[in-house]
């Protein structure tokens, strides 16, 4: 999965969503990266996309097509 600027999404990335919300990538199904707290056994069934722990709604699953409609920008690598 990639950000709009073409960079790959990675586990632990801190992101800015729509210019006003923040979050952290806690699972990257596309890259088979999962945090210890959020293991593959818990989220692997989703198959694709990433799980972001957001400050506006908790855990939110995003797929690549969401990246085309919502602005999700990398702030820093975790």
C-alpha atoms as a PDB file:
ATOM      1  CA  UNK A   1       0.000   0.000   0.000  1.00  0.00           C
ATOM      2  CA  UNK A   2       1.266   3.473  -0.838  1.00  0.00           C
ATOM      3  CA  UNK A   3       0.692   7.039   0.248  1.00  0.00           C
ATOM      4  CA  UNK A   4      -0.427   9.508  -2.406  1.00  0.00           C
ATOM      5  CA  UNK A   5       3.205  10.593  -2.883  1.00  0.00           C
ATOM      6  CA  UNK A   6       4.189   7.021  -3.801  1.00  0.00           C
ATOM      7  CA  UNK A   7       5.982   6.089  -0.569  1.00  0.00           C
ATOM      8  CA  UNK A   8       5.230   2.664   0.886  1.00  0.00           C
ATOM      9  CA  UNK A   9       3.148   2.549   4.085  1.00  0.00           C
ATOM     10  CA  UNK A  10       5.093   0.888   6.937  1.00  0.00           C
ATOM     11  CA  UNK A  11       4.269  -0.437  10.374  1.00  0.00           C
ATOM     12  CA  UNK A  12       4.674   2.291  12.992  1.00  0.00           C
ATOM     13  CA  UNK A  13       4.258   5.209  10.573  1.00  0.00           C
ATOM     14  CA  UNK A  14       2.770   8.316  12.146  1.00  0.00           C
ATOM     15  CA  UNK A  15       0.242   9.814   9.746  1.00  0.00           C
ATOM     16  CA  UNK A  16      -1.926  12.883   9.269  1.00  0.00           C
ATOM     17  CA  UNK A  17      -5.432  12.186   7.976  1.00  0.00           C
ATOM     18  CA  UNK A  18      -7.285  14.887   6.042  1.00  0.00           C
ATOM     19  CA  UNK A  19      -4.928  17.505   7.469  1.00  0.00           C
ATOM     20  CA  UNK A  20      -6.452  17.398  10.958  1.00  0.00           C
ATOM     21  CA  UNK A  21      -6.414  13.907  12.478  1.00  0.00           C
ATOM     22  CA  UNK A  22      -3.442  11.862  13.549  1.00  0.00           C
ATOM     23  CA  UNK A  23      -2.824   8.155  13.692  1.00  0.00           C
ATOM     24  CA  UNK A  24      -0.275   5.351  13.793  1.00  0.00           C
ATOM     25  CA  UNK A  25      -0.123   2.351  11.457  1.00  0.00           C
ATOM     26  CA  UNK A  26      -0.496  -0.690  13.747  1.00  0.00           C
ATOM     27  CA  UNK A  27      -0.916  -3.362  11.058  1.00  0.00           C
ATOM     28  CA  UNK A  28       0.055  -3.499   7.392  1.00  0.00           C
ATOM     29  CA  UNK A  29      -1.697  -6.435   5.769  1.00  0.00           C
ATOM     30  CA  UNK A  30      -0.194  -5.698   2.336  1.00  0.00           C
ATOM     31  CA  UNK A  31       3.340  -5.832   3.727  1.00  0.00           C
ATOM     32  CA  UNK A  32       2.646  -8.627   6.244  1.00  0.00           C
ATOM     33  CA  UNK A  33       3.747  -6.322   9.099  1.00  0.00           C
ATOM     34  CA  UNK A  34       1.945  -6.538  12.430  1.00  0.00           C
ATOM     35  CA  UNK A  35       2.710  -5.058  15.834  1.00  0.00           C
ATOM     36  CA  UNK A  36       3.035  -7.331  18.842  1.00  0.00           C
ATOM     37  CA  UNK A  37      -0.082  -5.735  20.323  1.00  0.00           C
ATOM     38  CA  UNK A  38      -2.059  -6.192  17.086  1.00  0.00           C
ATOM     39  CA  UNK A  39      -0.896  -9.557  15.634  1.00  0.00           C
ATOM     40  CA  UNK A  40      -1.631 -11.144  12.282  1.00  0.00           C
ATOM     41  CA  UNK A  41      -4.001 -13.577  13.999  1.00  0.00           C
ATOM     42  CA  UNK A  42      -6.210 -10.605  14.856  1.00  0.00           C
ATOM     43  CA  UNK A  43      -6.154  -8.663  11.563  1.00  0.00           C
ATOM     44  CA  UNK A  44      -4.818 -10.974   8.856  1.00  0.00           C
ATOM     45  CA  UNK A  45      -8.332 -11.960   7.790  1.00  0.00           C
ATOM     46  CA  UNK A  46      -8.775  -8.465   6.295  1.00  0.00           C
ATOM     47  CA  UNK A  47      -6.362  -9.499   3.552  1.00  0.00           C
ATOM     48  CA  UNK A  48      -5.322  -6.080   2.249  1.00  0.00           C
ATOM     49  CA  UNK A  49      -4.784  -2.564   3.473  1.00  0.00           C
ATOM     50  CA  UNK A  50      -3.600  -1.137   6.763  1.00  0.00           C
ATOM     51  CA  UNK A  51      -5.059  -0.651  10.231  1.00  0.00           C
ATOM     52  CA  UNK A  52      -4.507   2.810  11.667  1.00  0.00           C
ATOM     53  CA  UNK A  53      -5.065   3.731  15.315  1.00  0.00           C
ATOM     54  CA  UNK A  54      -6.665   7.159  14.872  1.00  0.00           C
ATOM     55  CA  UNK A  55      -7.316   9.971  17.339  1.00  0.00           C
ATOM     56  CA  UNK A  56     -10.861  10.448  16.012  1.00  0.00           C
ATOM     57  CA  UNK A  57     -12.293   6.925  16.024  1.00  0.00           C
ATOM     58  CA  UNK A  58      -9.842   4.341  17.289  1.00  0.00           C
ATOM     59  CA  UNK A  59      -8.872   1.577  14.872  1.00  0.00           C
ATOM     60  CA  UNK A  60      -9.773   2.242  11.233  1.00  0.00           C
ATOM     61  CA  UNK A  61      -9.087  -0.125   8.310  1.00  0.00           C
ATOM     62  CA  UNK A  62      -7.964   1.607   5.129  1.00  0.00           C
ATOM     63  CA  UNK A  63      -7.552   0.012   1.708  1.00  0.00           C
ATOM     64  CA  UNK A  64      -5.652   1.520  -1.214  1.00  0.00           C
ATOM     65  CA  UNK A  65      -8.846   2.938  -2.695  1.00  0.00           C
ATOM     66  CA  UNK A  66      -9.359   4.947   0.533  1.00  0.00           C
ATOM     67  CA  UNK A  67      -6.012   6.642  -0.113  1.00  0.00           C
ATOM     68  CA  UNK A  68      -7.491   8.081  -3.301  1.00  0.00           C
ATOM     69  CA  UNK A  69     -10.436   9.715  -1.459  1.00  0.00           C
ATOM     70  CA  UNK A  70      -8.855  10.676   1.858  1.00  0.00           C
ATOM     71  CA  UNK A  71      -5.590  12.486   2.331  1.00  0.00           C
ATOM     72  CA  UNK A  72      -3.366  10.254   4.446  1.00  0.00           C
ATOM     73  CA  UNK A  73       0.143  11.686   4.668  1.00  0.00           C
ATOM     74  CA  UNK A  74       3.275  10.342   6.299  1.00  0.00           C
ATOM     75  CA  UNK A  75       4.455  12.520   9.188  1.00  0.00           C
ATOM     76  CA  UNK A  76       7.306  10.311  10.407  1.00  0.00           C
ATOM     77  CA  UNK A  77       8.503   6.726  10.355  1.00  0.00           C
ATOM     78  CA  UNK A  78       7.933   4.796  13.575  1.00  0.00           C
END
